[in-house]
N, C-alpha and C. Protein backbone atom coordinates (compact mmCIF):
# COMPACT_ATOMS: atom_id res chain seq x y z
N UNK A 1 -17.05 -68.82 -60.10
CA UNK A 1 -17.70 -68.98 -58.94
C UNK A 1 -19.01 -69.80 -59.24
N UNK A 2 -19.27 -70.73 -58.21
CA UNK A 2 -20.30 -71.54 -58.51
C UNK A 2 -21.66 -70.99 -58.39
N UNK A 3 -22.67 -71.42 -59.26
CA UNK A 3 -24.03 -70.76 -59.28
C UNK A 3 -24.72 -70.81 -57.83
N UNK A 4 -24.37 -71.68 -57.13
CA UNK A 4 -25.00 -71.72 -55.81
C UNK A 4 -24.32 -70.58 -54.96
N UNK A 5 -23.23 -70.58 -54.86
CA UNK A 5 -22.45 -69.51 -54.08
C UNK A 5 -23.03 -68.07 -54.59
N UNK A 6 -23.15 -67.80 -55.97
CA UNK A 6 -23.59 -66.65 -56.47
C UNK A 6 -24.98 -66.39 -56.01
N UNK A 7 -25.73 -67.33 -56.00
CA UNK A 7 -27.23 -67.20 -55.64
C UNK A 7 -27.27 -66.88 -54.18
N UNK A 8 -26.39 -67.22 -53.30
CA UNK A 8 -26.33 -66.93 -51.69
C UNK A 8 -25.97 -65.55 -51.72
N UNK A 9 -25.06 -64.92 -52.54
CA UNK A 9 -24.76 -63.53 -52.33
C UNK A 9 -25.94 -62.56 -52.93
N UNK A 10 -26.53 -63.09 -53.85
CA UNK A 10 -27.70 -62.30 -54.37
C UNK A 10 -28.71 -62.24 -53.31
N UNK A 11 -29.04 -63.38 -52.79
CA UNK A 11 -30.01 -63.34 -51.67
C UNK A 11 -29.68 -62.46 -50.43
N UNK A 12 -28.34 -62.49 -50.20
CA UNK A 12 -27.84 -61.70 -49.17
C UNK A 12 -27.99 -60.24 -49.34
N UNK A 13 -27.84 -59.87 -50.57
CA UNK A 13 -27.98 -58.53 -50.91
C UNK A 13 -29.49 -57.96 -50.99
N UNK A 14 -30.35 -59.05 -51.14
CA UNK A 14 -31.78 -58.60 -51.40
C UNK A 14 -32.54 -58.51 -49.98
N UNK A 15 -31.84 -58.95 -49.11
CA UNK A 15 -32.39 -59.05 -47.73
C UNK A 15 -32.45 -57.62 -47.15
N UNK A 16 -33.60 -57.31 -46.67
CA UNK A 16 -33.88 -56.05 -46.10
C UNK A 16 -33.25 -55.76 -44.64
N UNK A 17 -32.32 -54.91 -44.60
CA UNK A 17 -31.50 -54.61 -43.36
C UNK A 17 -32.11 -53.46 -42.80
N UNK A 18 -33.29 -53.48 -42.17
CA UNK A 18 -33.92 -52.12 -41.80
C UNK A 18 -33.44 -52.08 -40.25
N UNK A 19 -33.15 -51.12 -39.76
CA UNK A 19 -32.83 -50.95 -38.37
C UNK A 19 -34.16 -50.15 -37.65
N UNK A 20 -34.86 -50.89 -36.70
CA UNK A 20 -35.96 -50.27 -36.09
C UNK A 20 -35.48 -49.45 -34.77
N UNK A 21 -35.77 -48.39 -34.36
CA UNK A 21 -35.32 -47.59 -33.43
C UNK A 21 -36.49 -47.87 -32.24
N UNK A 22 -36.06 -48.05 -31.00
CA UNK A 22 -36.79 -48.55 -30.13
C UNK A 22 -37.88 -47.10 -29.69
N UNK A 23 -39.15 -47.43 -29.57
CA UNK A 23 -39.91 -46.36 -29.27
C UNK A 23 -40.20 -46.19 -27.72
N UNK A 24 -39.55 -47.06 -26.85
CA UNK A 24 -39.87 -46.90 -25.42
C UNK A 24 -39.31 -45.81 -24.96
N UNK A 25 -39.78 -44.88 -24.19
CA UNK A 25 -39.15 -43.53 -23.55
C UNK A 25 -38.07 -43.87 -22.52
N UNK A 26 -38.18 -44.99 -21.98
CA UNK A 26 -37.22 -45.54 -20.95
C UNK A 26 -35.88 -45.77 -21.60
N UNK A 27 -35.94 -46.29 -22.86
CA UNK A 27 -34.62 -46.39 -23.56
C UNK A 27 -33.96 -45.09 -23.68
N UNK A 28 -34.55 -44.07 -24.15
CA UNK A 28 -33.93 -42.70 -24.37
C UNK A 28 -33.54 -42.07 -23.01
N UNK A 29 -34.34 -42.42 -22.04
CA UNK A 29 -33.85 -41.72 -20.78
C UNK A 29 -32.66 -42.44 -20.18
N UNK A 30 -32.56 -43.80 -20.49
CA UNK A 30 -31.39 -44.42 -19.94
C UNK A 30 -30.21 -44.09 -20.63
N UNK A 31 -30.31 -44.02 -22.11
CA UNK A 31 -29.32 -43.34 -22.91
C UNK A 31 -28.89 -42.26 -22.54
N UNK A 32 -29.62 -41.13 -22.07
CA UNK A 32 -29.12 -39.91 -21.61
C UNK A 32 -28.62 -39.75 -20.47
N UNK A 33 -29.01 -40.89 -19.56
CA UNK A 33 -28.18 -41.03 -18.26
C UNK A 33 -26.89 -41.58 -18.40
N UNK A 34 -26.84 -42.48 -19.37
CA UNK A 34 -25.45 -42.97 -19.52
C UNK A 34 -24.53 -42.15 -20.42
N UNK A 35 -25.16 -41.20 -21.11
CA UNK A 35 -24.20 -40.18 -21.61
C UNK A 35 -23.67 -39.15 -20.47
N UNK A 36 -24.61 -38.76 -19.40
CA UNK A 36 -24.35 -37.96 -18.47
C UNK A 36 -23.27 -38.74 -17.56
N UNK A 37 -23.69 -39.96 -17.46
CA UNK A 37 -22.57 -40.56 -16.55
C UNK A 37 -21.34 -40.92 -17.16
N UNK A 38 -21.09 -40.75 -18.34
CA UNK A 38 -19.84 -40.84 -18.90
C UNK A 38 -19.14 -39.39 -18.81
N UNK A 39 -19.93 -38.36 -19.04
CA UNK A 39 -19.42 -36.95 -18.79
C UNK A 39 -19.02 -36.87 -17.25
N UNK A 40 -19.70 -37.25 -16.36
CA UNK A 40 -19.47 -37.15 -14.86
C UNK A 40 -18.18 -37.87 -14.72
N UNK A 41 -17.96 -39.27 -15.23
CA UNK A 41 -16.83 -39.93 -15.10
C UNK A 41 -15.55 -39.33 -15.65
N UNK A 42 -15.72 -38.61 -16.70
CA UNK A 42 -14.49 -37.85 -17.36
C UNK A 42 -14.27 -36.58 -16.29
N UNK A 43 -15.26 -35.95 -15.92
CA UNK A 43 -14.89 -34.73 -14.99
C UNK A 43 -14.32 -35.23 -13.79
N UNK A 44 -14.82 -36.37 -13.10
CA UNK A 44 -14.20 -36.89 -12.08
C UNK A 44 -12.61 -37.26 -12.04
N UNK A 45 -12.57 -37.76 -13.19
CA UNK A 45 -11.07 -38.17 -13.50
C UNK A 45 -10.16 -36.66 -13.62
N UNK A 46 -10.66 -35.77 -14.27
CA UNK A 46 -10.09 -34.39 -14.29
C UNK A 46 -9.94 -33.69 -13.01
N UNK A 47 -11.06 -33.92 -12.22
CA UNK A 47 -11.04 -33.28 -10.92
C UNK A 47 -10.18 -33.79 -9.99
N UNK A 48 -9.99 -35.22 -10.11
CA UNK A 48 -8.90 -35.88 -9.44
C UNK A 48 -7.65 -35.50 -9.68
N UNK A 49 -7.26 -35.35 -11.01
CA UNK A 49 -5.94 -34.84 -11.35
C UNK A 49 -5.63 -33.54 -10.56
N UNK A 50 -6.63 -32.61 -10.65
CA UNK A 50 -6.46 -31.21 -10.17
C UNK A 50 -6.53 -31.20 -8.54
N UNK A 51 -7.01 -32.13 -7.87
CA UNK A 51 -6.92 -32.20 -6.55
C UNK A 51 -5.54 -32.84 -6.24
N UNK A 52 -4.94 -33.65 -6.97
CA UNK A 52 -3.69 -34.14 -6.74
C UNK A 52 -2.75 -33.10 -6.85
N UNK A 53 -3.02 -32.22 -7.85
CA UNK A 53 -1.93 -31.07 -7.94
C UNK A 53 -2.05 -30.19 -6.85
N UNK A 54 -3.26 -29.84 -6.30
CA UNK A 54 -3.53 -28.98 -5.04
C UNK A 54 -2.89 -29.61 -3.79
N UNK A 55 -3.12 -30.97 -3.72
CA UNK A 55 -2.57 -31.55 -2.43
C UNK A 55 -1.00 -31.53 -2.46
N UNK A 56 -0.44 -31.81 -3.68
CA UNK A 56 1.08 -31.56 -3.84
C UNK A 56 1.41 -30.19 -3.48
N UNK A 57 0.71 -29.21 -4.05
CA UNK A 57 1.10 -27.71 -3.69
C UNK A 57 0.90 -27.38 -2.16
N UNK A 58 0.02 -28.07 -1.53
CA UNK A 58 -0.29 -27.72 -0.22
C UNK A 58 0.68 -28.38 0.69
N UNK A 59 1.27 -29.55 0.16
CA UNK A 59 2.40 -30.16 1.11
C UNK A 59 3.61 -29.21 0.93
N UNK A 60 3.91 -28.66 -0.22
CA UNK A 60 4.96 -27.94 -0.45
C UNK A 60 4.75 -26.58 0.48
N UNK A 61 3.59 -26.12 0.48
CA UNK A 61 3.20 -24.89 1.24
C UNK A 61 3.39 -25.09 2.68
N UNK A 62 2.84 -26.11 3.15
CA UNK A 62 3.01 -26.60 4.53
C UNK A 62 4.34 -26.62 4.97
N UNK A 63 5.47 -27.29 4.10
CA UNK A 63 6.91 -27.42 4.28
C UNK A 63 7.35 -25.96 4.47
N UNK A 64 6.86 -24.92 3.55
CA UNK A 64 7.43 -23.70 3.50
C UNK A 64 7.02 -22.79 4.88
N UNK A 65 5.76 -22.95 5.19
CA UNK A 65 5.39 -22.33 6.38
C UNK A 65 6.14 -22.88 7.64
N UNK A 66 6.40 -24.16 7.52
CA UNK A 66 7.13 -24.67 8.72
C UNK A 66 8.73 -24.09 8.88
N UNK A 67 9.19 -23.99 7.44
CA UNK A 67 10.67 -23.50 7.48
C UNK A 67 10.50 -22.06 7.96
N UNK A 68 9.27 -21.13 7.40
CA UNK A 68 9.27 -19.72 7.91
C UNK A 68 9.06 -19.68 9.41
N UNK A 69 8.43 -20.67 10.01
CA UNK A 69 8.17 -20.44 11.30
C UNK A 69 9.59 -20.76 11.99
N UNK A 70 10.26 -21.52 11.55
CA UNK A 70 11.52 -21.89 12.21
C UNK A 70 12.44 -20.66 12.07
N UNK A 71 12.59 -20.05 11.12
CA UNK A 71 13.27 -18.83 10.58
C UNK A 71 12.72 -17.84 11.66
N UNK A 72 11.45 -17.59 11.75
CA UNK A 72 11.03 -16.42 12.68
C UNK A 72 11.34 -16.80 14.01
N UNK A 73 11.41 -18.05 14.64
CA UNK A 73 11.70 -18.33 15.90
C UNK A 73 13.24 -18.14 16.13
N UNK A 74 13.93 -18.31 15.19
CA UNK A 74 15.52 -18.08 15.22
C UNK A 74 15.69 -16.68 15.22
N UNK A 75 15.01 -15.86 14.47
CA UNK A 75 15.42 -14.52 14.27
C UNK A 75 14.81 -13.80 15.69
N UNK A 76 13.73 -14.29 16.38
CA UNK A 76 13.25 -13.89 17.54
C UNK A 76 14.25 -14.01 18.72
N UNK A 77 15.01 -15.28 18.57
CA UNK A 77 15.86 -15.66 19.58
C UNK A 77 17.25 -14.61 19.48
N UNK A 78 17.50 -14.51 18.11
CA UNK A 78 18.69 -13.66 17.89
C UNK A 78 18.51 -12.28 18.41
N UNK A 79 17.06 -11.68 18.22
CA UNK A 79 16.84 -10.35 18.70
C UNK A 79 16.86 -10.30 20.02
N UNK A 80 16.44 -11.32 20.89
CA UNK A 80 16.54 -11.27 22.39
C UNK A 80 17.88 -11.26 22.80
N UNK A 81 18.83 -12.20 22.05
CA UNK A 81 20.36 -12.07 22.45
C UNK A 81 20.93 -10.72 22.34
N UNK A 82 20.57 -10.08 21.11
CA UNK A 82 21.05 -8.69 20.70
C UNK A 82 20.77 -7.74 21.79
N UNK A 83 19.22 -8.01 22.10
CA UNK A 83 18.81 -7.03 23.14
C UNK A 83 19.55 -7.06 24.51
N UNK A 84 19.90 -8.35 24.85
CA UNK A 84 20.55 -8.60 26.10
C UNK A 84 21.98 -7.94 26.07
N UNK A 85 22.60 -8.28 24.95
CA UNK A 85 24.03 -7.82 24.64
C UNK A 85 24.05 -6.23 24.69
N UNK A 86 22.95 -5.87 24.02
CA UNK A 86 22.90 -4.27 24.11
C UNK A 86 22.73 -3.66 25.41
N UNK A 87 21.97 -4.32 26.12
CA UNK A 87 21.72 -3.79 27.70
C UNK A 87 23.09 -4.02 28.51
N UNK A 88 23.72 -5.30 28.35
CA UNK A 88 24.96 -5.24 29.04
C UNK A 88 25.99 -4.12 28.60
N UNK A 89 26.02 -4.01 27.26
CA UNK A 89 26.89 -2.94 26.92
C UNK A 89 26.72 -1.55 27.37
N UNK A 90 25.29 -1.32 27.29
CA UNK A 90 24.89 0.07 27.92
C UNK A 90 25.27 0.19 29.36
N UNK A 91 24.96 -0.81 30.28
CA UNK A 91 25.34 -0.78 31.59
C UNK A 91 26.86 -0.63 31.82
N UNK A 92 27.59 -1.29 31.02
CA UNK A 92 29.05 -1.12 31.03
C UNK A 92 29.67 0.39 30.62
N UNK A 93 29.07 0.75 29.60
CA UNK A 93 29.25 2.23 29.12
C UNK A 93 28.78 3.16 30.07
N UNK A 94 27.69 2.98 30.82
CA UNK A 94 27.18 3.94 31.87
C UNK A 94 28.32 3.87 33.03
N UNK A 95 28.65 2.81 33.51
CA UNK A 95 29.71 2.50 34.57
C UNK A 95 30.86 3.40 34.10
N UNK A 96 31.30 3.22 33.02
CA UNK A 96 32.64 3.88 32.48
C UNK A 96 32.51 5.38 32.23
N UNK A 97 31.31 5.85 32.00
CA UNK A 97 30.98 7.18 31.80
C UNK A 97 30.88 7.89 33.10
N UNK A 98 30.39 6.94 34.21
CA UNK A 98 30.32 7.58 35.57
C UNK A 98 31.83 7.84 36.06
N UNK A 99 32.67 6.75 35.85
CA UNK A 99 33.97 6.86 36.40
C UNK A 99 34.68 8.07 35.58
N UNK A 100 34.56 8.18 34.26
CA UNK A 100 35.03 9.09 33.54
C UNK A 100 34.78 10.58 34.13
N UNK A 101 33.54 10.66 34.31
CA UNK A 101 32.99 11.91 34.69
C UNK A 101 33.71 12.36 36.08
N UNK A 102 33.76 11.27 37.03
CA UNK A 102 34.54 11.52 38.33
C UNK A 102 35.86 11.91 38.00
N UNK A 103 36.46 11.29 36.98
CA UNK A 103 38.08 11.66 36.66
C UNK A 103 37.99 13.13 36.25
N UNK A 104 36.99 13.44 35.28
CA UNK A 104 37.00 14.85 34.68
C UNK A 104 36.84 15.91 36.00
N UNK A 105 35.97 15.54 36.78
CA UNK A 105 35.77 16.38 37.94
C UNK A 105 37.04 16.69 38.72
N UNK A 106 37.77 15.53 38.98
CA UNK A 106 39.01 15.38 39.71
C UNK A 106 39.98 16.26 39.12
N UNK A 107 40.11 16.02 37.82
CA UNK A 107 41.25 16.77 37.00
C UNK A 107 40.98 18.03 36.90
N UNK A 108 39.68 18.65 36.85
CA UNK A 108 39.29 20.06 36.85
C UNK A 108 39.59 20.63 37.98
N UNK A 109 39.39 19.85 39.25
CA UNK A 109 39.68 20.58 40.59
C UNK A 109 41.23 20.61 40.57
N UNK A 110 42.07 19.74 40.18
CA UNK A 110 43.58 19.75 40.19
C UNK A 110 43.89 20.85 39.32
N UNK A 111 43.40 20.91 38.05
CA UNK A 111 43.89 22.00 37.11
C UNK A 111 43.57 23.38 37.86
N UNK A 112 42.48 23.65 38.44
CA UNK A 112 42.13 24.76 38.86
C UNK A 112 43.21 25.10 40.03
N UNK A 113 43.48 24.19 40.97
CA UNK A 113 44.23 24.22 42.19
C UNK A 113 45.63 24.49 41.68
N UNK A 114 46.12 23.87 40.65
CA UNK A 114 47.42 24.05 40.04
C UNK A 114 47.71 25.32 39.36
N UNK A 115 46.48 25.90 38.74
CA UNK A 115 46.59 27.27 38.11
C UNK A 115 46.75 28.14 39.35
N UNK A 116 45.95 27.94 40.33
CA UNK A 116 45.94 28.98 41.50
C UNK A 116 47.34 28.92 42.13
N UNK A 117 47.89 27.85 42.40
CA UNK A 117 49.32 27.63 43.02
C UNK A 117 50.38 28.34 42.14
N UNK A 118 50.08 27.98 40.71
CA UNK A 118 51.21 28.77 39.99
C UNK A 118 51.05 30.23 39.85
N UNK A 119 49.93 30.77 40.08
CA UNK A 119 49.70 32.13 40.03
C UNK A 119 50.55 32.83 41.31
N UNK A 120 50.28 31.96 42.44
CA UNK A 120 50.83 32.37 43.86
C UNK A 120 52.36 32.05 43.63
N UNK A 121 52.89 31.34 43.00
CA UNK A 121 54.25 31.19 42.92
C UNK A 121 54.87 32.18 42.04
N UNK A 122 54.14 32.39 41.08
CA UNK A 122 54.59 33.40 40.03
C UNK A 122 54.77 34.87 40.84
N UNK A 123 53.52 35.29 41.57
CA UNK A 123 53.39 36.44 42.07
C UNK A 123 54.70 36.52 43.35
N UNK A 124 54.85 35.36 43.87
CA UNK A 124 55.87 35.29 44.89
C UNK A 124 57.31 35.43 44.39
N UNK A 125 57.37 35.05 43.14
CA UNK A 125 58.79 35.05 42.45
C UNK A 125 59.09 36.39 42.15
N UNK A 126 58.05 37.19 41.73
CA UNK A 126 58.26 38.55 41.39
C UNK A 126 58.28 39.55 42.35
N UNK A 127 58.02 39.16 43.61
CA UNK A 127 57.90 40.02 44.81
C UNK A 127 58.60 39.24 46.04
N UNK A 128 59.78 39.66 46.16
CA UNK A 128 60.81 38.81 47.09
C UNK A 128 60.28 39.06 48.57
N UNK A 129 59.56 39.89 48.89
CA UNK A 129 59.25 40.30 50.37
C UNK A 129 57.97 39.27 50.67
N UNK A 130 57.05 38.91 49.87
CA UNK A 130 56.03 37.86 49.98
C UNK A 130 56.67 36.53 49.87
N UNK A 131 57.65 36.32 49.19
CA UNK A 131 58.35 35.01 49.16
C UNK A 131 58.63 34.72 50.81
N UNK A 132 59.20 35.56 51.44
CA UNK A 132 59.78 35.22 52.80
C UNK A 132 58.75 35.02 53.78
N UNK A 133 57.45 35.54 53.43
CA UNK A 133 56.37 35.61 54.48
C UNK A 133 55.55 34.43 54.32
N UNK A 134 55.40 33.63 53.25
CA UNK A 134 54.72 32.41 52.92
C UNK A 134 55.37 31.25 53.87
N UNK A 135 54.37 30.55 54.66
CA UNK A 135 54.83 29.52 55.43
C UNK A 135 54.62 28.18 54.59
N UNK A 136 55.41 27.24 55.17
CA UNK A 136 55.47 25.97 54.33
C UNK A 136 54.01 25.32 54.56
N UNK A 137 53.06 25.04 53.79
CA UNK A 137 51.87 24.49 53.92
C UNK A 137 51.77 23.29 52.97
N UNK A 138 51.04 22.16 53.53
CA UNK A 138 50.85 21.15 52.63
C UNK A 138 50.02 21.47 51.28
N UNK A 139 50.38 21.03 50.21
CA UNK A 139 49.67 21.32 49.08
C UNK A 139 48.45 20.48 48.91
N UNK A 140 47.22 21.07 48.20
CA UNK A 140 46.07 20.68 48.32
C UNK A 140 46.26 19.33 47.10
N UNK A 141 47.28 19.29 46.32
CA UNK A 141 47.14 18.17 45.52
C UNK A 141 47.32 16.91 46.06
N UNK A 142 48.04 16.77 47.22
CA UNK A 142 48.24 15.41 47.89
C UNK A 142 46.87 14.85 48.30
N UNK A 143 45.93 15.66 48.79
CA UNK A 143 44.65 15.08 49.17
C UNK A 143 43.75 14.73 48.03
N UNK A 144 44.16 15.40 46.86
CA UNK A 144 43.34 15.13 45.70
C UNK A 144 43.89 13.99 45.08
N UNK A 145 45.12 13.61 44.96
CA UNK A 145 45.89 12.60 44.43
C UNK A 145 45.44 11.21 45.33
N UNK A 146 45.28 11.41 46.61
CA UNK A 146 45.00 10.29 47.35
C UNK A 146 43.34 9.78 47.05
N UNK A 147 42.52 10.84 46.89
CA UNK A 147 41.23 10.64 46.36
C UNK A 147 41.10 9.92 45.04
N UNK A 148 41.89 10.34 44.09
CA UNK A 148 41.97 9.65 42.76
C UNK A 148 42.35 8.29 42.91
N UNK A 149 43.41 8.02 43.64
CA UNK A 149 43.87 6.66 43.76
C UNK A 149 42.92 5.68 44.52
N UNK A 150 42.02 6.40 45.41
CA UNK A 150 40.93 5.55 45.96
C UNK A 150 39.80 5.23 44.89
N UNK A 151 39.53 6.31 44.21
CA UNK A 151 38.46 5.92 43.07
C UNK A 151 38.86 4.97 41.93
N UNK A 152 40.00 4.99 41.68
CA UNK A 152 40.64 3.96 40.64
C UNK A 152 40.40 2.55 41.21
N UNK A 153 40.91 2.39 42.55
CA UNK A 153 40.75 1.12 43.17
C UNK A 153 39.36 0.67 43.23
């Protein structure tokens, strides 16, 4: 190394590199505000990410609510259709039950009448004197049968 270069290095090392801190209070106030601003910026970035996640979740929730509303509307329509079908079935069954009750009444009248005729015939068969005295009368079953035929029509 040359002596001049060596001298420059020594002079460089001998220099006093003292750092003086500013004594002005506005500098420290601005420095504190800068630190607070940096923290605020970091928090805003974090908050923006959270809000984006909430918005994404809200869109999914809105879609889910829409689908749920459509399902509820479909279920309501199905219930109304089921109620109407049940009402029609009830009316049909009521009409059939009324007709069946009429047939039951007619058959019970026929059965009673037939039993009464069978009893009279049995009595007449056992007693020959009564058999000669019974005149020819129309049977009540003919009028009942004609009423049954009219009810069926």
